[in-house]
C-alpha atoms as a PDB file:
ATOM      1  CA  MET A   1       1.018 -34.075 -67.738  1.00  0.00           C
ATOM      2  CA  THR A   2      -2.150 -32.124 -68.423  1.00  0.00           C
ATOM      3  CA  GLN A   3      -5.339 -33.730 -69.675  1.00  0.00           C
ATOM      4  CA  ILE A   4      -6.860 -31.995 -72.691  1.00  0.00           C
ATOM      5  CA  HIS A   5     -10.490 -32.751 -73.591  1.00  0.00           C
ATOM      6  CA  ILE A   6     -11.399 -32.343 -77.257  1.00  0.00           C
ATOM      7  CA  SER A   7     -14.918 -32.423 -78.708  1.00  0.00           C
ATOM      8  CA  ILE A   8     -15.516 -31.866 -82.454  1.00  0.00           C
ATOM      9  CA  ARG A   9     -18.938 -31.561 -84.119  1.00  0.00           C
ATOM     10  CA  LYS A  10     -20.261 -30.793 -87.580  1.00  0.00           C
ATOM     11  CA  PRO A  11     -23.520 -29.062 -88.413  1.00  0.00           C
ATOM     12  CA  LYS A  12     -26.577 -30.787 -89.765  1.00  0.00           C
ATOM     13  CA  THR A  13     -30.176 -29.919 -90.226  1.00  0.00           C
ATOM     14  CA  GLY A  14     -31.657 -29.356 -86.842  1.00  0.00           C
ATOM     15  CA  GLY A  15     -28.434 -29.763 -84.843  1.00  0.00           C
ATOM     16  CA  LEU A  16     -24.908 -31.163 -84.671  1.00  0.00           C
ATOM     17  CA  ASP A  17     -23.356 -34.525 -85.454  1.00  0.00           C
ATOM     18  CA  PRO A  18     -20.147 -35.897 -83.933  1.00  0.00           C
ATOM     19  CA  VAL A  19     -17.059 -35.915 -86.134  1.00  0.00           C
ATOM     20  CA  THR A  20     -14.720 -38.862 -86.405  1.00  0.00           C
ATOM     21  CA  GLY A  21     -11.137 -38.729 -87.498  1.00  0.00           C
ATOM     22  CA  THR A  22      -7.604 -38.173 -86.230  1.00  0.00           C
ATOM     23  CA  LEU A  23      -5.699 -35.398 -84.497  1.00  0.00           C
ATOM     24  CA  ARG A  24      -1.919 -35.134 -84.767  1.00  0.00           C
ATOM     25  CA  PHE A  25       0.152 -33.607 -81.963  1.00  0.00           C
ATOM     26  CA  ARG A  26       3.740 -32.421 -82.273  1.00  0.00           C
ATOM     27  CA  PRO A  27       5.947 -30.284 -80.008  1.00  0.00           C
ATOM     28  CA  VAL A  28       7.328 -27.344 -81.942  1.00  0.00           C
ATOM     29  CA  ARG A  29      11.114 -27.203 -81.543  1.00  0.00           C
ATOM     30  CA  ARG A  30      13.277 -29.665 -79.719  1.00  0.00           C
ATOM     31  CA  HIS A  31      13.790 -28.858 -76.062  1.00  0.00           C
ATOM     32  CA  PHE A  32      14.858 -30.221 -72.676  1.00  0.00           C
ATOM     33  CA  ASP A  33      12.315 -31.092 -70.036  1.00  0.00           C
ATOM     34  CA  ALA A  34      12.637 -30.682 -66.250  1.00  0.00           C
ATOM     35  CA  ALA A  35      14.358 -34.106 -65.960  1.00  0.00           C
ATOM     36  CA  LYS A  36      17.048 -33.018 -68.468  1.00  0.00           C
ATOM     37  CA  ASN A  37      15.561 -35.217 -71.221  1.00  0.00           C
ATOM     38  CA  LEU A  38      15.918 -33.974 -74.785  1.00  0.00           C
ATOM     39  CA  ILE A  39      12.471 -33.919 -76.347  1.00  0.00           C
ATOM     40  CA  ILE A  40      12.565 -34.024 -80.154  1.00  0.00           C
ATOM     41  CA  ALA A  41       9.881 -32.580 -82.408  1.00  0.00           C
ATOM     42  CA  ALA A  42       8.213 -35.923 -83.136  1.00  0.00           C
ATOM     43  CA  SER A  43       4.467 -36.256 -83.642  1.00  0.00           C
ATOM     44  CA  PHE A  44       1.833 -38.778 -82.532  1.00  0.00           C
ATOM     45  CA  ASP A  45      -1.765 -39.356 -83.607  1.00  0.00           C
ATOM     46  CA  ALA A  46      -4.919 -39.814 -81.519  1.00  0.00           C
ATOM     47  CA  ASN A  47      -8.352 -40.771 -82.874  1.00  0.00           C
ATOM     48  CA  LEU A  48     -11.670 -39.238 -81.985  1.00  0.00           C
ATOM     49  CA  SER A  49     -14.346 -41.562 -80.579  1.00  0.00           C
ATOM     50  CA  GLU A  50     -17.720 -42.182 -82.224  1.00  0.00           C
ATOM     51  CA  SER A  51     -19.104 -39.367 -80.097  1.00  0.00           C
ATOM     52  CA  GLY A  52     -16.511 -37.008 -81.597  1.00  0.00           C
ATOM     53  CA  GLU A  53     -14.537 -36.680 -78.345  1.00  0.00           C
ATOM     54  CA  LEU A  54     -10.937 -37.275 -77.291  1.00  0.00           C
ATOM     55  CA  THR A  55      -8.935 -36.847 -74.074  1.00  0.00           C
ATOM     56  CA  VAL A  56      -5.188 -36.691 -74.507  1.00  0.00           C
ATOM     57  CA  ASP A  57      -2.298 -36.123 -72.052  1.00  0.00           C
ATOM     58  CA  LEU A  58       0.167 -33.435 -73.123  1.00  0.00           C
ATOM     59  CA  LEU A  59       3.327 -31.991 -71.561  1.00  0.00           C
ATOM     60  CA  PRO A  60       2.850 -28.445 -70.223  1.00  0.00           C
ATOM     61  CA  THR A  61       4.494 -25.962 -72.572  1.00  0.00           C
ATOM     62  CA  THR A  62       7.385 -23.667 -71.621  1.00  0.00           C
ATOM     63  CA  SER A  63       9.151 -20.739 -73.225  1.00  0.00           C
ATOM     64  CA  ALA A  64      11.114 -23.327 -75.282  1.00  0.00           C
ATOM     65  CA  PHE A  65       8.195 -24.958 -77.143  1.00  0.00           C
ATOM     66  CA  VAL A  66       4.465 -25.057 -77.861  1.00  0.00           C
ATOM     67  CA  TRP A  67       2.177 -27.764 -79.229  1.00  0.00           C
ATOM     68  CA  GLN A  68       1.175 -28.076 -82.845  1.00  0.00           C
ATOM     69  CA  VAL A  69      -2.232 -29.718 -83.293  1.00  0.00           C
ATOM     70  CA  VAL A  70      -3.289 -30.825 -86.797  1.00  0.00           C
ATOM     71  CA  GLU A  71      -7.006 -31.557 -87.087  1.00  0.00           C
ATOM     72  CA  LEU A  72      -7.675 -34.370 -89.595  1.00  0.00           C
ATOM     73  CA  ALA A  73     -11.325 -34.866 -88.939  1.00  0.00           C
ATOM     74  CA  ASP A  74     -13.785 -35.804 -91.717  1.00  0.00           C
ATOM     75  CA  THR A  75     -12.604 -33.008 -93.892  1.00  0.00           C
ATOM     76  CA  PRO A  76     -10.547 -32.878 -97.026  1.00  0.00           C
ATOM     77  CA  GLN A  77      -8.616 -29.908 -95.630  1.00  0.00           C
ATOM     78  CA  ALA A  78      -6.575 -30.087 -92.456  1.00  0.00           C
ATOM     79  CA  TYR A  79      -6.500 -27.250 -89.968  1.00  0.00           C
ATOM     80  CA  THR A  80      -3.434 -26.539 -87.795  1.00  0.00           C
ATOM     81  CA  ARG A  81      -3.313 -24.772 -84.404  1.00  0.00           C
ATOM     82  CA  TYR A  82      -0.332 -23.809 -82.221  1.00  0.00           C
ATOM     83  CA  VAL A  83      -1.328 -23.754 -78.575  1.00  0.00           C
ATOM     84  CA  GLU A  84       0.068 -23.359 -75.072  1.00  0.00           C
ATOM     85  CA  VAL A  85      -0.752 -26.111 -72.590  1.00  0.00           C
ATOM     86  CA  PRO A  86      -0.905 -25.043 -68.907  1.00  0.00           C
ATOM     87  CA  ASP A  87       0.414 -27.153 -66.042  1.00  0.00           C
ATOM     88  CA  SER A  88      -2.934 -28.154 -64.538  1.00  0.00           C
ATOM     89  CA  LYS A  89      -4.134 -30.916 -62.215  1.00  0.00           C
ATOM     90  CA  THR A  90      -7.646 -30.689 -63.631  1.00  0.00           C
ATOM     91  CA  LYS A  91      -8.901 -31.412 -67.140  1.00  0.00           C
ATOM     92  CA  VAL A  92      -8.628 -28.488 -69.577  1.00  0.00           C
ATOM     93  CA  GLU A  93     -10.890 -27.937 -72.556  1.00  0.00           C
ATOM     94  CA  TYR A  94      -9.237 -27.803 -76.001  1.00  0.00           C
ATOM     95  CA  ALA A  95     -11.256 -24.664 -76.765  1.00  0.00           C
ATOM     96  CA  ASP A  96      -9.675 -22.875 -73.763  1.00  0.00           C
ATOM     97  CA  LEU A  97      -6.065 -23.348 -74.885  1.00  0.00           C
ATOM     98  CA  VAL A  98      -4.261 -20.120 -75.802  1.00  0.00           C
ATOM     99  CA  GLU A  99      -3.433 -20.050 -79.510  1.00  0.00           C
ATOM    100  CA  VAL A 100      -0.021 -18.541 -80.328  1.00  0.00           C
ATOM    101  CA  ASP A 101       2.013 -17.467 -83.329  1.00  0.00           C
ATOM    102  CA  ALA A 102       4.126 -20.369 -84.690  1.00  0.00           C
ATOM    103  CA  GLY A 103       7.277 -18.279 -85.066  1.00  0.00           C
ATOM    104  CA  THR A 104       7.300 -16.086 -81.966  1.00  0.00           C
ATOM    105  CA  PHE A 105       5.069 -18.095 -79.574  1.00  0.00           C
ATOM    106  CA  VAL A 106       3.290 -14.820 -78.825  1.00  0.00           C
ATOM    107  CA  PRO A 107      -0.464 -15.227 -78.253  1.00  0.00           C
ATOM    108  CA  LYS A 108      -2.418 -14.238 -81.345  1.00  0.00           C
ATOM    109  CA  ASP A 109      -4.586 -11.823 -79.385  1.00  0.00           C
ATOM    110  CA  MET A 110      -1.383  -9.914 -78.530  1.00  0.00           C
ATOM    111  CA  GLN A 111      -0.176  -9.551 -82.095  1.00  0.00           C
ATOM    112  CA  GLY A 112       0.444  -5.938 -83.011  1.00  0.00           C
ATOM    113  CA  SER A 113       1.288  -4.977 -79.411  1.00  0.00           C
ATOM    114  CA  GLN A 114       4.798  -4.197 -78.168  1.00  0.00           C
ATOM    115  CA  LEU A 115       6.710  -7.351 -77.326  1.00  0.00           C
ATOM    116  CA  LEU A 116       8.689  -7.779 -74.176  1.00  0.00           C
ATOM    117  CA  LYS A 117      12.357  -8.153 -75.009  1.00  0.00           C
ATOM    118  CA  VAL A 118      14.595 -10.126 -72.700  1.00  0.00           C
ATOM    119  CA  ARG A 119      18.390 -10.109 -72.395  1.00  0.00           C
ATOM    120  CA  HIS A 120      20.624 -12.396 -70.371  1.00  0.00           C
ATOM    121  CA  ALA A 121      23.706 -11.356 -68.372  1.00  0.00           C
ATOM    122  CA  SER A 122      26.292 -13.438 -66.557  1.00  0.00           C
ATOM    123  CA  THR A 123      26.882 -11.069 -63.658  1.00  0.00           C
ATOM    124  CA  GLN A 124      24.978  -8.470 -61.738  1.00  0.00           C
ATOM    125  CA  SER A 125      27.327  -5.743 -62.939  1.00  0.00           C
ATOM    126  CA  GLU A 126      26.708  -6.686 -66.573  1.00  0.00           C
ATOM    127  CA  ALA A 127      22.971  -6.802 -65.932  1.00  0.00           C
ATOM    128  CA  GLU A 128      23.045  -3.301 -64.437  1.00  0.00           C
ATOM    129  CA  THR A 129      24.961  -2.052 -67.478  1.00  0.00           C
ATOM    130  CA  LEU A 130      22.516  -3.669 -69.901  1.00  0.00           C
ATOM    131  CA  SER A 131      19.543  -2.362 -67.941  1.00  0.00           C
ATOM    132  CA  ALA A 132      20.931   1.159 -68.206  1.00  0.00           C
ATOM    133  CA  GLN A 133      21.666   0.668 -71.924  1.00  0.00           C
ATOM    134  CA  TYR A 134      18.291  -0.930 -72.738  1.00  0.00           C
ATOM    135  CA  PRO A 135      15.733   0.518 -70.298  1.00  0.00           C
ATOM    136  CA  ASP A 136      12.783  -1.027 -72.193  1.00  0.00           C
ATOM    137  CA  GLU A 137      14.133  -4.568 -71.990  1.00  0.00           C
ATOM    138  CA  LEU A 138      14.121  -7.103 -69.172  1.00  0.00           C
ATOM    139  CA  VAL A 139      17.590  -8.312 -68.159  1.00  0.00           C
ATOM    140  CA  PHE A 140      18.260 -11.588 -66.302  1.00  0.00           C
ATOM    141  CA  PHE A 141      21.593 -12.374 -64.674  1.00  0.00           C
ATOM    142  CA  ASP A 142      23.274 -15.153 -62.719  1.00  0.00           C
ATOM    143  CA  GLU A 143      21.095 -16.608 -59.969  1.00  0.00           C
ATOM    144  CA  THR A 144      24.012 -17.078 -57.580  1.00  0.00           C
ATOM    145  CA  ALA A 145      24.896 -13.407 -57.668  1.00  0.00           C
ATOM    146  CA  THR A 146      21.247 -12.551 -57.110  1.00  0.00           C
ATOM    147  CA  THR A 147      21.078 -14.914 -54.162  1.00  0.00           C
ATOM    148  CA  ILE A 148      24.214 -13.450 -52.597  1.00  0.00           C
ATOM    149  CA  LYS A 149      22.953  -9.908 -53.015  1.00  0.00           C
ATOM    150  CA  ALA A 150      19.558 -10.873 -51.641  1.00  0.00           C
ATOM    151  CA  ALA A 151      21.251 -12.542 -48.656  1.00  0.00           C
ATOM    152  CA  MET A 152      23.292  -9.401 -48.027  1.00  0.00           C
ATOM    153  CA  ALA A 153      20.196  -7.251 -48.259  1.00  0.00           C
ATOM    154  CA  MET A 154      18.362  -9.597 -45.907  1.00  0.00           C
ATOM    155  CA  SER A 155      21.262  -9.490 -43.452  1.00  0.00           C
ATOM    156  CA  THR A 156      21.197  -5.697 -43.556  1.00  0.00           C
ATOM    157  CA  LEU A 157      17.465  -5.695 -42.988  1.00  0.00           C
ATOM    158  CA  GLU A 158      17.820  -8.107 -40.061  1.00  0.00           C
ATOM    159  CA  SER A 159      20.526  -5.888 -38.570  1.00  0.00           C
ATOM    160  CA  ILE A 160      18.334  -2.821 -38.984  1.00  0.00           C
ATOM    161  CA  THR A 161      15.397  -4.706 -37.469  1.00  0.00           C
ATOM    162  CA  ALA A 162      17.494  -5.846 -34.483  1.00  0.00           C
ATOM    163  CA  GLU A 163      18.748  -2.303 -33.925  1.00  0.00           C
ATOM    164  CA  ALA A 164      15.210  -0.954 -34.172  1.00  0.00           C
ATOM    165  CA  GLN A 165      14.014  -3.530 -31.644  1.00  0.00           C
ATOM    166  CA  THR A 166      16.879  -2.606 -29.294  1.00  0.00           C
ATOM    167  CA  ASN A 167      16.078   1.087 -29.621  1.00  0.00           C
ATOM    168  CA  ALA A 168      12.409   0.347 -29.025  1.00  0.00           C
ATOM    169  CA  ALA A 169      13.297  -1.623 -25.868  1.00  0.00           C
ATOM    170  CA  LEU A 170      15.500   1.228 -24.628  1.00  0.00           C
ATOM    171  CA  ALA A 171      12.757   3.742 -25.374  1.00  0.00           C
ATOM    172  CA  ARG A 172      10.241   1.611 -23.494  1.00  0.00           C
ATOM    173  CA  SER A 173      12.611   1.291 -20.529  1.00  0.00           C
ATOM    174  CA  ALA A 174      13.149   5.051 -20.512  1.00  0.00           C
ATOM    175  CA  MET A 175       9.409   5.606 -20.707  1.00  0.00           C
ATOM    176  CA  LEU A 176       8.785   3.236 -17.785  1.00  0.00           C
ATOM    177  CA  SER A 177      11.548   4.955 -15.780  1.00  0.00           C
ATOM    178  CA  ALA A 178      10.052   8.349 -16.519  1.00  0.00           C
ATOM    179  CA  GLN A 179       6.630   7.069 -15.541  1.00  0.00           C
ATOM    180  CA  SER A 180       8.047   5.680 -12.291  1.00  0.00           C
ATOM    181  CA  SER A 181       9.742   9.010 -11.564  1.00  0.00           C
ATOM    182  CA  ALA A 182       6.510  10.831 -12.317  1.00  0.00           C
ATOM    183  CA  ASP A 183       4.610   8.493  -9.983  1.00  0.00           C
ATOM    184  CA  SER A 184       7.227   9.032  -7.247  1.00  0.00           C
ATOM    185  CA  ALA A 185       7.041  12.797  -7.743  1.00  0.00           C
ATOM    186  CA  THR A 186       3.269  12.634  -7.542  1.00  0.00           C
ATOM    187  CA  ALA A 187       3.460  10.577  -4.338  1.00  0.00           C
ATOM    188  CA  THR A 188       6.023  12.992  -2.852  1.00  0.00           C
ATOM    189  CA  GLN A 189       3.873  15.975  -3.772  1.00  0.00           C
ATOM    190  CA  SER A 190       0.903  14.254  -2.160  1.00  0.00           C
ATOM    191  CA  ASP A 191       2.927  13.658   1.030  1.00  0.00           C
ATOM    192  CA  LEU A 192       4.061  17.303   1.006  1.00  0.00           C
ATOM    193  CA  ASN A 193       0.475  18.421   0.581  1.00  0.00           C
ATOM    194  CA  ILE A 194      -0.548  16.265   3.560  1.00  0.00           C
ATOM    195  CA  LEU A 195       2.330  17.663   5.678  1.00  0.00           C
ATOM    196  CA  ALA A 196       1.445  21.214   4.666  1.00  0.00           C
ATOM    197  CA  SER A 197      -2.200  20.593   5.559  1.00  0.00           C
ATOM    198  CA  ASN A 198      -1.181  19.130   8.927  1.00  0.00           C
ATOM    199  CA  ALA A 199       1.142  22.093   9.541  1.00  0.00           C
ATOM    200  CA  ASN A 200      -1.649  24.538   8.714  1.00  0.00           C
ATOM    201  CA  THR A 201      -4.015  22.697  11.037  1.00  0.00           C
ATOM    202  CA  LEU A 202      -1.402  22.677  13.825  1.00  0.00           C
ATOM    203  CA  ALA A 203      -0.627  26.366  13.275  1.00  0.00           C
ATOM    204  CA  ALA A 204      -4.329  27.186  13.427  1.00  0.00           C
ATOM    205  CA  SER A 205      -4.651  25.130  16.629  1.00  0.00           C
ATOM    206  CA  VAL A 206      -1.609  26.858  18.180  1.00  0.00           C
ATOM    207  CA  ALA A 207      -2.937  30.246  17.165  1.00  0.00           C
ATOM    208  CA  ASN A 208      -6.315  29.381  18.671  1.00  0.00           C
ATOM    209  CA  ASP A 209      -4.681  28.105  21.876  1.00  0.00           C
ATOM    210  CA  SER A 210      -2.499  31.257  22.039  1.00  0.00           C
ATOM    211  CA  GLN A 211      -5.571  33.425  21.671  1.00  0.00           C
ATOM    212  CA  THR A 212      -7.304  31.437  24.401  1.00  0.00           C
ATOM    213  CA  VAL A 213      -4.297  31.858  26.712  1.00  0.00           C
ATOM    214  CA  ALA A 214      -4.126  35.565  25.905  1.00  0.00           C
ATOM    215  CA  ASP A 215      -7.840  35.952  26.595  1.00  0.00           C
ATOM    216  CA  THR A 216      -7.464  34.044  29.877  1.00  0.00           C
ATOM    217  CA  ALA A 217      -4.452  36.153  30.879  1.00  0.00           C
ATOM    218  CA  ASN A 218      -6.392  39.339  30.098  1.00  0.00           C
ATOM    219  CA  ALA A 219      -9.328  38.085  32.138  1.00  0.00           C
ATOM    220  CA  VAL A 220      -7.036  37.168  35.069  1.00  0.00           C
ATOM    221  CA  ALA A 221      -5.328  40.554  34.836  1.00  0.00           C
ATOM    222  CA  ALA A 222      -8.700  42.301  34.822  1.00  0.00           C
ATOM    223  CA  LYS A 223      -9.854  40.275  37.837  1.00  0.00           C
ATOM    224  CA  GLY A 224      -6.526  41.039  39.588  1.00  0.00           C
ATOM    225  CA  GLU A 225      -6.942  44.719  38.982  1.00  0.00           C
ATOM    226  CA  SER A 226     -10.514  44.514  40.273  1.00  0.00           C
ATOM    227  CA  ALA A 227      -9.335  42.611  43.362  1.00  0.00           C
ATOM    228  CA  ILE A 228      -6.545  45.123  43.981  1.00  0.00           C
ATOM    229  CA  ALA A 229      -9.035  47.960  43.645  1.00  0.00           C
ATOM    230  CA  THR A 230     -11.358  46.196  46.085  1.00  0.00           C
ATOM    231  CA  ILE A 231      -8.501  45.596  48.541  1.00  0.00           C
ATOM    232  CA  ASP A 232      -7.375  49.185  48.217  1.00  0.00           C
ATOM    233  CA  SER A 233     -10.923  50.321  48.836  1.00  0.00           C
ATOM    234  CA  THR A 234     -11.232  48.073  51.893  1.00  0.00           C
ATOM    235  CA  VAL A 235      -7.871  49.188  53.287  1.00  0.00           C
ATOM    236  CA  GLN A 236      -8.850  52.800  52.792  1.00  0.00           C
ATOM    237  CA  ALA A 237     -12.138  52.208  54.571  1.00  0.00           C
ATOM    238  CA  VAL A 238     -10.317  50.562  57.467  1.00  0.00           C
ATOM    239  CA  LYS A 239      -7.919  53.468  57.635  1.00  0.00           C
ATOM    240  CA  ASP A 240     -10.805  55.907  57.611  1.00  0.00           C
ATOM    241  CA  LYS A 241     -12.520  54.032  60.437  1.00  0.00           C
ATOM    242  CA  ALA A 242      -9.271  53.859  62.404  1.00  0.00           C
ATOM    243  CA  GLU A 243      -8.750  57.573  62.085  1.00  0.00           C
ATOM    244  CA  ALA A 244     -12.323  58.197  63.156  1.00  0.00           C
ATOM    245  CA  ALA A 245     -11.839  55.952  66.161  1.00  0.00           C
ATOM    246  CA  THR A 246      -8.803  57.927  67.329  1.00  0.00           C
ATOM    247  CA  THR A 247     -10.734  61.178  67.420  1.00  0.00           C
ATOM    248  CA  VAL A 248     -13.814  59.907  69.318  1.00  0.00           C
ATOM    249  CA  LEU A 249     -13.444  58.505  72.849  1.00  0.00           C
ATOM    250  CA  PRO A 250     -15.397  55.584  74.228  1.00  0.00           C
ATOM    251  CA  SER A 251     -18.923  55.842  75.657  1.00  0.00           C
ATOM    252  CA  THR A 252     -18.039  58.717  78.174  1.00  0.00           C
ATOM    253  CA  GLY A 253     -18.040  61.039  75.303  1.00  0.00           C
ATOM    254  CA  THR A 254     -14.910  62.864  76.358  1.00  0.00           C
ATOM    255  CA  THR A 255     -14.298  65.848  74.235  1.00  0.00           C
ATOM    256  CA  GLU A 256     -11.212  67.555  73.251  1.00  0.00           C
ATOM    257  CA  GLY A 257      -9.451  69.293  76.222  1.00  0.00           C
ATOM    258  CA  THR A 258      -9.889  66.220  78.457  1.00  0.00           C
ATOM    259  CA  THR A 259      -6.729  64.565  79.691  1.00  0.00           C
ATOM    260  CA  ASP A 260      -6.553  60.827  80.162  1.00  0.00           C
ATOM    261  CA  THR A 261      -4.576  60.061  83.337  1.00  0.00           C
ATOM    262  CA  GLY A 262      -3.372  56.892  81.933  1.00  0.00           C
ATOM    263  CA  THR A 263      -5.693  54.675  83.860  1.00  0.00           C
ATOM    264  CA  THR A 264      -4.977  51.049  83.122  1.00  0.00           C
ATOM    265  CA  GLU A 265      -7.069  47.997  83.337  1.00  0.00           C
ATOM    266  CA  GLU A 266      -5.975  45.431  85.849  1.00  0.00           C
ATOM    267  CA  THR A 267      -6.736  41.817  85.501  1.00  0.00           C
ATOM    268  CA  THR A 268      -6.600  39.199  88.157  1.00  0.00           C
ATOM    269  CA  GLU A 269      -6.083  35.617  87.000  1.00  0.00           C
ATOM    270  CA  GLU A 270      -6.638  32.657  89.148  1.00  0.00           C
ATOM    271  CA  PRO A 271      -6.271  29.115  88.133  1.00  0.00           C
ATOM    272  CA  GLY A 272      -9.574  27.680  86.990  1.00  0.00           C
ATOM    273  CA  LYS A 273     -11.326  31.003  86.859  1.00  0.00           C
ATOM    274  CA  ASP A 274     -12.097  33.397  84.102  1.00  0.00           C
ATOM    275  CA  SER A 275     -10.103  36.516  84.005  1.00  0.00           C
ATOM    276  CA  THR A 276     -12.237  39.550  84.780  1.00  0.00           C
ATOM    277  CA  PRO A 277     -10.892  42.941  84.156  1.00  0.00           C
ATOM    278  CA  ALA A 278     -10.811  45.195  87.206  1.00  0.00           C
ATOM    279  CA  LYS A 279     -12.753  48.381  87.112  1.00  0.00           C
ATOM    280  CA  ALA A 280     -10.666  51.148  85.833  1.00  0.00           C
ATOM    281  CA  LYS A 281     -10.228  54.150  87.837  1.00  0.00           C
ATOM    282  CA  LYS A 282     -10.730  57.344  86.065  1.00  0.00           C
ATOM    283  CA  ALA A 283      -9.244  60.691  86.942  1.00  0.00           C
ATOM    284  CA  THR A 284     -10.722  63.726  85.519  1.00  0.00           C
ATOM    285  CA  VAL A 285      -8.818  66.888  85.371  1.00  0.00           C
ATOM    286  CA  LYS A 286     -10.985  69.914  85.426  1.00  0.00           C
ATOM    287  CA  GLY A 287     -10.022  72.780  83.517  1.00  0.00           C
ATOM    288  CA  ALA A 288      -9.190  75.990  85.237  1.00  0.00           C
END
């Protein structure tokens, strides 16, 4: 139920006075409510208070009926309104109710505009046919068929979602694998760079050591050649002195043409005594 607050006044000099009287409420057209009760188009009356106010509980209207309100308030002429009553938990003012046409239930402020036409179908196939035949009309069809189709569509969407999630997982795994391979390649390249650097350093060291050995060998060879030259020079000097010695006799100054008789030196050795050479005897051969 929805509470409707009604306040009616009449003008007077300097202001407004409350109106007393009766209001009559009647549902237009018989209909069934949500509890499957048949509601007939019977009316009931409600009186305004001395302050000209009234709060009444009314059933919310549906597409099957609206409320007829007949105002019988201190006037010789009654006034009738047809209104929609919203399903509200809070109190609604009578002045805020939407007034509709009694025959079509279309709000009066929509009169003259194009009405929405609705058709009913028993199956989805029939609804599709009617929709194609009447494109400007709204077609309703069996709820069960709609539910089944919606369930099928939802199942398809879930399948697509699951497949998309699987593909996303595979793509992520492939990406991680590629990243791991890239990291491994980077690490391998780094190791190769280190090995290459070490090899270059070792090659430079070997080349330096080889140059040092070559320089040392050259120095040794040069010193050897110098030593050989020195030895050769010394040997030659000795030879020269030896040859000079053979041409010049000892202190007697014998010249060429003198014949040595072969005098020999005799030595006498006795135990415990130094050996003293005996005086050599010289024979001189005079030339003729």
